C-alpha atoms as a PDB file:
ATOM      1  CA  UNK A   1      -0.025  -0.058   0.022  1.00  0.00           C
ATOM      2  CA  UNK A   2       1.184   3.483  -0.856  1.00  0.00           C
ATOM      3  CA  UNK A   3       1.365   5.808   2.099  1.00  0.00           C
ATOM      4  CA  UNK A   4       0.166   9.363   1.381  1.00  0.00           C
ATOM      5  CA  UNK A   5      -0.041  12.173   3.947  1.00  0.00           C
ATOM      6  CA  UNK A   6      -3.102  14.302   4.411  1.00  0.00           C
ATOM      7  CA  UNK A   7      -1.522  17.395   2.734  1.00  0.00           C
ATOM      8  CA  UNK A   8      -0.352  15.211  -0.195  1.00  0.00           C
ATOM      9  CA  UNK A   9      -3.846  13.749  -0.686  1.00  0.00           C
ATOM     10  CA  UNK A  10      -5.448  17.217  -0.548  1.00  0.00           C
ATOM     11  CA  UNK A  11      -2.965  18.482  -3.077  1.00  0.00           C
ATOM     12  CA  UNK A  12      -3.740  15.559  -5.430  1.00  0.00           C
ATOM     13  CA  UNK A  13      -7.458  16.242  -4.994  1.00  0.00           C
ATOM     14  CA  UNK A  14      -7.070  19.942  -5.712  1.00  0.00           C
ATOM     15  CA  UNK A  15      -4.804  19.282  -8.731  1.00  0.00           C
ATOM     16  CA  UNK A  16      -7.375  16.747 -10.292  1.00  0.00           C
ATOM     17  CA  UNK A  17     -10.198  18.988  -9.587  1.00  0.00           C
ATOM     18  CA  UNK A  18      -8.623  22.049 -11.086  1.00  0.00           C
ATOM     19  CA  UNK A  19      -7.308  20.138 -14.057  1.00  0.00           C
ATOM     20  CA  UNK A  20     -10.850  18.885 -14.783  1.00  0.00           C
ATOM     21  CA  UNK A  21     -12.281  22.485 -14.437  1.00  0.00           C
ATOM     22  CA  UNK A  22      -9.606  23.847 -16.808  1.00  0.00           C
ATOM     23  CA  UNK A  23     -10.362  21.207 -19.434  1.00  0.00           C
ATOM     24  CA  UNK A  24     -14.147  21.968 -19.251  1.00  0.00           C
ATOM     25  CA  UNK A  25     -13.310  25.713 -19.586  1.00  0.00           C
ATOM     26  CA  UNK A  26     -10.979  25.151 -22.543  1.00  0.00           C
ATOM     27  CA  UNK A  27     -13.724  22.970 -24.337  1.00  0.00           C
ATOM     28  CA  UNK A  28     -16.311  25.663 -23.693  1.00  0.00           C
ATOM     29  CA  UNK A  29     -14.111  28.397 -25.074  1.00  0.00           C
ATOM     30  CA  UNK A  30     -13.169  26.237 -28.147  1.00  0.00           C
ATOM     31  CA  UNK A  31     -16.891  25.521 -28.800  1.00  0.00           C
ATOM     32  CA  UNK A  32     -18.029  29.275 -28.403  1.00  0.00           C
ATOM     33  CA  UNK A  33     -15.311  30.324 -30.848  1.00  0.00           C
ATOM     34  CA  UNK A  34     -16.228  27.760 -33.492  1.00  0.00           C
ATOM     35  CA  UNK A  35     -19.953  28.532 -33.102  1.00  0.00           C
ATOM     36  CA  UNK A  36     -19.486  32.340 -33.152  1.00  0.00           C
ATOM     37  CA  UNK A  37     -21.992  34.179 -35.299  1.00  0.00           C
ATOM     38  CA  UNK A  38     -20.488  34.903 -38.720  1.00  0.00           C
ATOM     39  CA  UNK A  39     -22.416  37.613 -40.487  1.00  0.00           C
ATOM     40  CA  UNK A  40     -21.481  37.301 -44.180  1.00  0.00           C
ATOM     41  CA  UNK A  41     -24.641  38.148 -46.168  1.00  0.00           C
ATOM     42  CA  UNK A  42     -26.251  40.270 -43.414  1.00  0.00           C
ATOM     43  CA  UNK A  43     -25.629  43.812 -42.219  1.00  0.00           C
ATOM     44  CA  UNK A  44     -27.116  46.097 -39.847  1.00  0.00           C
ATOM     45  CA  UNK A  45     -29.507  48.944 -40.597  1.00  0.00           C
ATOM     46  CA  UNK A  46     -31.353  51.705 -38.695  1.00  0.00           C
ATOM     47  CA  UNK A  47     -35.068  52.133 -39.429  1.00  0.00           C
ATOM     48  CA  UNK A  48     -36.107  55.462 -40.845  1.00  0.00           C
ATOM     49  CA  UNK A  49     -39.180  55.611 -38.754  1.00  0.00           C
ATOM     50  CA  UNK A  50     -38.470  54.258 -35.309  1.00  0.00           C
ATOM     51  CA  UNK A  51     -34.648  54.492 -35.371  1.00  0.00           C
ATOM     52  CA  UNK A  52     -34.137  50.955 -34.132  1.00  0.00           C
ATOM     53  CA  UNK A  53     -31.208  48.951 -35.412  1.00  0.00           C
ATOM     54  CA  UNK A  54     -31.825  45.589 -36.905  1.00  0.00           C
ATOM     55  CA  UNK A  55     -30.035  42.891 -39.003  1.00  0.00           C
ATOM     56  CA  UNK A  56     -31.102  42.407 -42.655  1.00  0.00           C
ATOM     57  CA  UNK A  57     -29.996  40.411 -45.720  1.00  0.00           C
ATOM     58  CA  UNK A  58     -27.755  42.291 -48.180  1.00  0.00           C
ATOM     59  CA  UNK A  59     -29.472  40.764 -51.218  1.00  0.00           C
ATOM     60  CA  UNK A  60     -32.797  42.445 -50.510  1.00  0.00           C
ATOM     61  CA  UNK A  61     -33.628  45.843 -51.880  1.00  0.00           C
ATOM     62  CA  UNK A  62     -36.451  46.635 -49.419  1.00  0.00           C
ATOM     63  CA  UNK A  63     -36.478  45.318 -45.801  1.00  0.00           C
ATOM     64  CA  UNK A  64     -39.109  45.298 -43.128  1.00  0.00           C
ATOM     65  CA  UNK A  65     -38.175  46.674 -39.726  1.00  0.00           C
ATOM     66  CA  UNK A  66     -38.467  44.072 -37.014  1.00  0.00           C
ATOM     67  CA  UNK A  67     -39.561  46.625 -34.412  1.00  0.00           C
ATOM     68  CA  UNK A  68     -42.320  48.733 -36.142  1.00  0.00           C
ATOM     69  CA  UNK A  69     -42.881  46.758 -39.344  1.00  0.00           C
ATOM     70  CA  UNK A  70     -42.227  49.790 -41.728  1.00  0.00           C
ATOM     71  CA  UNK A  71     -40.511  49.155 -45.040  1.00  0.00           C
ATOM     72  CA  UNK A  72     -37.110  50.630 -45.561  1.00  0.00           C
ATOM     73  CA  UNK A  73     -35.135  51.010 -48.780  1.00  0.00           C
ATOM     74  CA  UNK A  74     -31.656  49.640 -48.781  1.00  0.00           C
ATOM     75  CA  UNK A  75     -29.145  52.123 -50.232  1.00  0.00           C
ATOM     76  CA  UNK A  76     -26.328  50.398 -52.037  1.00  0.00           C
ATOM     77  CA  UNK A  77     -23.000  51.835 -51.063  1.00  0.00           C
END
């Protein structure tokens, strides 16, 4: 049988626990970076009526405000 003092056992317990937490944190960060929202065909626009900002598709010429429902003309720039 291997003899381990109380302080060594406590250190091993903390080391294993902290390693497990670090691995979970690293996996969470990796997942959040790979699942990040990539806006490629969408842009933001400010409604001409209610001045709310919203996301719209670049390929549309007229978009509907998500807040007030008014139609807004997309100006190509």
